[in-house]
Amino acid sequence: MTSLTLPDTLLHEQANACLAQWVVQLALETKVAVEVDASALVEFDSSALAVLLGLRRVVVAQKGTLQVTGMPARLRQLASLYGVLELLSPS
């Protein structure tokens, strides 16, 4: 399993670089099971969801699984508001 950790700040300015770094890292993996720890996330906007959903697209395309753990309450609420919480919640 590949473990990734969200930074404490993930705003629009950092989103593309964060996702790009993870995509490069995952390209080296053969079987992709990814766990993202979101517990450090303090300052964020909807770009954090965009990064997680972009990562999910990459992982699913590689026939892998994605699990986001430690979601702060605000991120969980935002994901629920946008209707994507079920895509990011552990099964």
N, C-alpha and C. Protein backbone atom coordinates (compact mmCIF):
# COMPACT_ATOMS: atom_id res chain seq x y z
N MET A 1 0.85 -1.18 0.00
CA MET A 1 0.00 0.00 0.00
C MET A 1 0.89 1.24 0.00
N THR A 2 0.52 2.20 -0.80
CA THR A 2 1.22 3.47 -0.86
C THR A 2 0.53 4.43 0.09
N SER A 3 1.30 5.05 0.97
CA SER A 3 0.75 6.02 1.92
C SER A 3 1.18 7.42 1.52
N LEU A 4 0.20 8.30 1.44
CA LEU A 4 0.44 9.70 1.12
C LEU A 4 -0.16 10.54 2.24
N THR A 5 0.39 11.72 2.44
CA THR A 5 -0.10 12.61 3.48
C THR A 5 -0.36 13.98 2.90
N LEU A 6 -1.55 14.50 3.14
CA LEU A 6 -1.85 15.86 2.72
C LEU A 6 -1.06 16.83 3.59
N PRO A 7 -0.60 17.94 3.02
CA PRO A 7 0.10 18.94 3.82
C PRO A 7 -0.87 19.69 4.72
N ASP A 8 -0.36 20.52 5.61
CA ASP A 8 -1.26 21.27 6.49
C ASP A 8 -1.99 22.38 5.73
N THR A 9 -1.42 22.84 4.61
CA THR A 9 -2.07 23.85 3.77
C THR A 9 -2.18 23.32 2.34
N LEU A 10 -3.38 23.34 1.82
CA LEU A 10 -3.59 22.93 0.43
C LEU A 10 -4.65 23.84 -0.19
N LEU A 11 -4.13 24.90 -0.80
CA LEU A 11 -4.98 25.89 -1.47
C LEU A 11 -4.77 25.79 -2.97
N HIS A 12 -5.50 26.57 -3.71
CA HIS A 12 -5.44 26.55 -5.17
C HIS A 12 -3.99 26.65 -5.68
N GLU A 13 -3.19 27.48 -5.05
CA GLU A 13 -1.82 27.70 -5.48
C GLU A 13 -0.96 26.44 -5.41
N GLN A 14 -1.23 25.54 -4.48
CA GLN A 14 -0.44 24.33 -4.30
C GLN A 14 -1.05 23.09 -4.95
N ALA A 15 -2.28 23.17 -5.39
CA ALA A 15 -3.03 21.98 -5.82
C ALA A 15 -2.38 21.25 -6.99
N ASN A 16 -2.07 21.95 -8.06
CA ASN A 16 -1.50 21.28 -9.24
C ASN A 16 -0.18 20.60 -8.93
N ALA A 17 0.68 21.26 -8.18
CA ALA A 17 1.98 20.68 -7.84
C ALA A 17 1.81 19.45 -6.97
N CYS A 18 0.89 19.50 -6.02
CA CYS A 18 0.65 18.36 -5.14
C CYS A 18 0.19 17.15 -5.94
N LEU A 19 -0.82 17.34 -6.78
CA LEU A 19 -1.33 16.24 -7.58
C LEU A 19 -0.28 15.71 -8.54
N ALA A 20 0.45 16.60 -9.19
CA ALA A 20 1.48 16.19 -10.15
C ALA A 20 2.55 15.34 -9.47
N GLN A 21 2.94 15.72 -8.28
CA GLN A 21 3.94 14.95 -7.53
C GLN A 21 3.43 13.55 -7.24
N TRP A 22 2.19 13.44 -6.83
CA TRP A 22 1.62 12.13 -6.52
C TRP A 22 1.46 11.28 -7.76
N VAL A 23 1.07 11.88 -8.88
CA VAL A 23 0.90 11.13 -10.13
C VAL A 23 2.24 10.53 -10.56
N VAL A 24 3.30 11.30 -10.46
CA VAL A 24 4.64 10.80 -10.80
C VAL A 24 5.01 9.65 -9.88
N GLN A 25 4.75 9.81 -8.61
CA GLN A 25 5.07 8.76 -7.63
C GLN A 25 4.29 7.48 -7.92
N LEU A 26 3.02 7.60 -8.25
CA LEU A 26 2.19 6.43 -8.50
C LEU A 26 2.51 5.75 -9.83
N ALA A 27 3.09 6.49 -10.76
CA ALA A 27 3.45 5.90 -12.05
C ALA A 27 4.49 4.80 -11.87
N LEU A 28 5.23 4.84 -10.78
CA LEU A 28 6.26 3.84 -10.51
C LEU A 28 5.69 2.58 -9.83
N GLU A 29 4.44 2.64 -9.40
CA GLU A 29 3.80 1.53 -8.71
C GLU A 29 3.16 0.58 -9.72
N THR A 30 3.20 -0.73 -9.40
CA THR A 30 2.55 -1.69 -10.28
C THR A 30 1.13 -1.98 -9.84
N LYS A 31 0.93 -2.21 -8.58
CA LYS A 31 -0.43 -2.41 -8.05
C LYS A 31 -0.69 -1.28 -7.08
N VAL A 32 -1.72 -0.54 -7.35
CA VAL A 32 -1.94 0.69 -6.61
C VAL A 32 -3.05 0.54 -5.58
N ALA A 33 -2.68 0.56 -4.33
CA ALA A 33 -3.60 0.71 -3.22
C ALA A 33 -3.07 1.91 -2.46
N VAL A 34 -3.85 2.97 -2.43
CA VAL A 34 -3.36 4.23 -1.88
C VAL A 34 -4.19 4.63 -0.68
N GLU A 35 -3.49 5.01 0.38
CA GLU A 35 -4.14 5.58 1.55
C GLU A 35 -3.62 7.00 1.72
N VAL A 36 -4.53 7.96 1.79
CA VAL A 36 -4.17 9.36 1.97
C VAL A 36 -4.59 9.79 3.37
N ASP A 37 -3.62 10.24 4.14
CA ASP A 37 -3.88 10.74 5.49
C ASP A 37 -4.14 12.25 5.39
N ALA A 38 -5.34 12.65 5.72
CA ALA A 38 -5.72 14.06 5.63
C ALA A 38 -5.72 14.75 6.98
N SER A 39 -5.25 14.08 8.02
CA SER A 39 -5.37 14.61 9.38
C SER A 39 -4.56 15.88 9.63
N ALA A 40 -3.51 16.14 8.86
CA ALA A 40 -2.69 17.34 9.07
C ALA A 40 -3.31 18.57 8.42
N LEU A 41 -4.29 18.39 7.57
CA LEU A 41 -4.88 19.48 6.79
C LEU A 41 -5.59 20.48 7.70
N VAL A 42 -5.14 21.73 7.64
CA VAL A 42 -5.72 22.79 8.47
C VAL A 42 -6.29 23.91 7.60
N GLU A 43 -5.50 24.37 6.65
CA GLU A 43 -5.91 25.46 5.78
C GLU A 43 -6.11 24.91 4.37
N PHE A 44 -7.34 25.00 3.86
CA PHE A 44 -7.64 24.43 2.55
C PHE A 44 -8.86 25.09 1.96
N ASP A 45 -9.03 24.87 0.67
CA ASP A 45 -10.23 25.31 -0.03
C ASP A 45 -10.71 24.11 -0.86
N SER A 46 -11.62 24.34 -1.77
CA SER A 46 -12.17 23.23 -2.55
C SER A 46 -11.11 22.58 -3.43
N SER A 47 -9.97 23.21 -3.60
CA SER A 47 -8.87 22.61 -4.37
C SER A 47 -8.38 21.32 -3.72
N ALA A 48 -8.51 21.22 -2.42
CA ALA A 48 -8.12 19.98 -1.74
C ALA A 48 -8.98 18.82 -2.24
N LEU A 49 -10.26 19.07 -2.43
CA LEU A 49 -11.14 18.04 -2.99
C LEU A 49 -10.75 17.72 -4.42
N ALA A 50 -10.40 18.75 -5.19
CA ALA A 50 -9.99 18.53 -6.58
C ALA A 50 -8.75 17.64 -6.64
N VAL A 51 -7.80 17.86 -5.73
CA VAL A 51 -6.60 17.03 -5.68
C VAL A 51 -6.97 15.59 -5.36
N LEU A 52 -7.80 15.40 -4.36
CA LEU A 52 -8.19 14.04 -3.96
C LEU A 52 -8.97 13.34 -5.07
N LEU A 53 -9.85 14.05 -5.73
CA LEU A 53 -10.63 13.45 -6.83
C LEU A 53 -9.74 13.17 -8.04
N GLY A 54 -8.78 14.05 -8.30
CA GLY A 54 -7.82 13.79 -9.38
C GLY A 54 -6.98 12.58 -9.09
N LEU A 55 -6.54 12.46 -7.85
CA LEU A 55 -5.78 11.28 -7.44
C LEU A 55 -6.64 10.02 -7.57
N ARG A 56 -7.89 10.12 -7.19
CA ARG A 56 -8.79 8.97 -7.30
C ARG A 56 -8.92 8.52 -8.75
N ARG A 57 -9.04 9.48 -9.67
CA ARG A 57 -9.14 9.15 -11.10
C ARG A 57 -7.91 8.36 -11.56
N VAL A 58 -6.74 8.81 -11.15
CA VAL A 58 -5.49 8.14 -11.53
C VAL A 58 -5.44 6.72 -10.95
N VAL A 59 -5.80 6.60 -9.69
CA VAL A 59 -5.75 5.30 -9.02
C VAL A 59 -6.75 4.32 -9.63
N VAL A 60 -7.96 4.77 -9.87
CA VAL A 60 -8.99 3.91 -10.47
C VAL A 60 -8.58 3.50 -11.89
N ALA A 61 -7.96 4.41 -12.64
CA ALA A 61 -7.50 4.09 -13.99
C ALA A 61 -6.43 3.00 -13.96
N GLN A 62 -5.70 2.92 -12.85
CA GLN A 62 -4.67 1.88 -12.68
C GLN A 62 -5.24 0.65 -11.98
N LYS A 63 -6.56 0.57 -11.91
CA LYS A 63 -7.27 -0.55 -11.28
C LYS A 63 -6.92 -0.68 -9.80
N GLY A 64 -6.70 0.46 -9.16
CA GLY A 64 -6.34 0.47 -7.75
C GLY A 64 -7.47 0.96 -6.87
N THR A 65 -7.16 1.13 -5.61
CA THR A 65 -8.13 1.61 -4.64
C THR A 65 -7.56 2.82 -3.91
N LEU A 66 -8.46 3.69 -3.48
CA LEU A 66 -8.08 4.89 -2.74
C LEU A 66 -8.89 4.96 -1.47
N GLN A 67 -8.20 5.24 -0.38
CA GLN A 67 -8.85 5.42 0.91
C GLN A 67 -8.30 6.69 1.53
N VAL A 68 -9.20 7.62 1.89
CA VAL A 68 -8.80 8.86 2.55
C VAL A 68 -9.17 8.73 4.02
N THR A 69 -8.18 8.89 4.88
CA THR A 69 -8.41 8.77 6.32
C THR A 69 -8.12 10.10 7.00
N GLY A 70 -8.64 10.26 8.20
CA GLY A 70 -8.34 11.45 9.01
C GLY A 70 -8.88 12.75 8.44
N MET A 71 -9.97 12.68 7.70
CA MET A 71 -10.53 13.90 7.12
C MET A 71 -11.02 14.84 8.22
N PRO A 72 -10.54 16.09 8.20
CA PRO A 72 -11.08 17.07 9.14
C PRO A 72 -12.58 17.28 8.88
N ALA A 73 -13.30 17.66 9.92
CA ALA A 73 -14.76 17.84 9.79
C ALA A 73 -15.12 18.80 8.66
N ARG A 74 -14.38 19.89 8.51
CA ARG A 74 -14.67 20.87 7.46
C ARG A 74 -14.50 20.28 6.07
N LEU A 75 -13.50 19.45 5.89
CA LEU A 75 -13.30 18.80 4.59
C LEU A 75 -14.41 17.80 4.32
N ARG A 76 -14.79 17.07 5.34
CA ARG A 76 -15.90 16.11 5.21
C ARG A 76 -17.19 16.84 4.84
N GLN A 77 -17.44 17.98 5.48
CA GLN A 77 -18.64 18.77 5.17
C GLN A 77 -18.60 19.29 3.74
N LEU A 78 -17.45 19.76 3.31
CA LEU A 78 -17.30 20.28 1.96
C LEU A 78 -17.52 19.17 0.93
N ALA A 79 -16.96 18.00 1.20
CA ALA A 79 -17.13 16.86 0.30
C ALA A 79 -18.60 16.44 0.23
N SER A 80 -19.27 16.50 1.36
CA SER A 80 -20.69 16.16 1.40
C SER A 80 -21.51 17.19 0.61
N LEU A 81 -21.18 18.46 0.78
CA LEU A 81 -21.87 19.54 0.07
C LEU A 81 -21.74 19.38 -1.44
N TYR A 82 -20.56 18.98 -1.90
CA TYR A 82 -20.32 18.78 -3.33
C TYR A 82 -20.78 17.41 -3.82
N GLY A 83 -21.24 16.56 -2.91
CA GLY A 83 -21.75 15.25 -3.31
C GLY A 83 -20.68 14.22 -3.65
N VAL A 84 -19.48 14.39 -3.11
CA VAL A 84 -18.37 13.48 -3.43
C VAL A 84 -17.84 12.73 -2.22
N LEU A 85 -18.47 12.88 -1.09
CA LEU A 85 -17.98 12.24 0.13
C LEU A 85 -17.85 10.73 -0.03
N GLU A 86 -18.84 10.11 -0.66
CA GLU A 86 -18.81 8.65 -0.83
C GLU A 86 -17.66 8.19 -1.72
N LEU A 87 -17.15 9.07 -2.57
CA LEU A 87 -16.03 8.71 -3.41
C LEU A 87 -14.70 8.71 -2.64
N LEU A 88 -14.68 9.41 -1.52
CA LEU A 88 -13.45 9.57 -0.75
C LEU A 88 -13.46 8.83 0.59
N SER A 89 -14.63 8.38 1.00
CA SER A 89 -14.74 7.70 2.30
C SER A 89 -14.33 6.24 2.18
N PRO A 90 -13.73 5.72 3.25
CA PRO A 90 -13.38 4.29 3.24
C PRO A 90 -14.64 3.44 3.10
N SER A 91 -14.52 2.37 2.35
CA SER A 91 -15.67 1.46 2.16
C SER A 91 -15.83 0.55 3.34
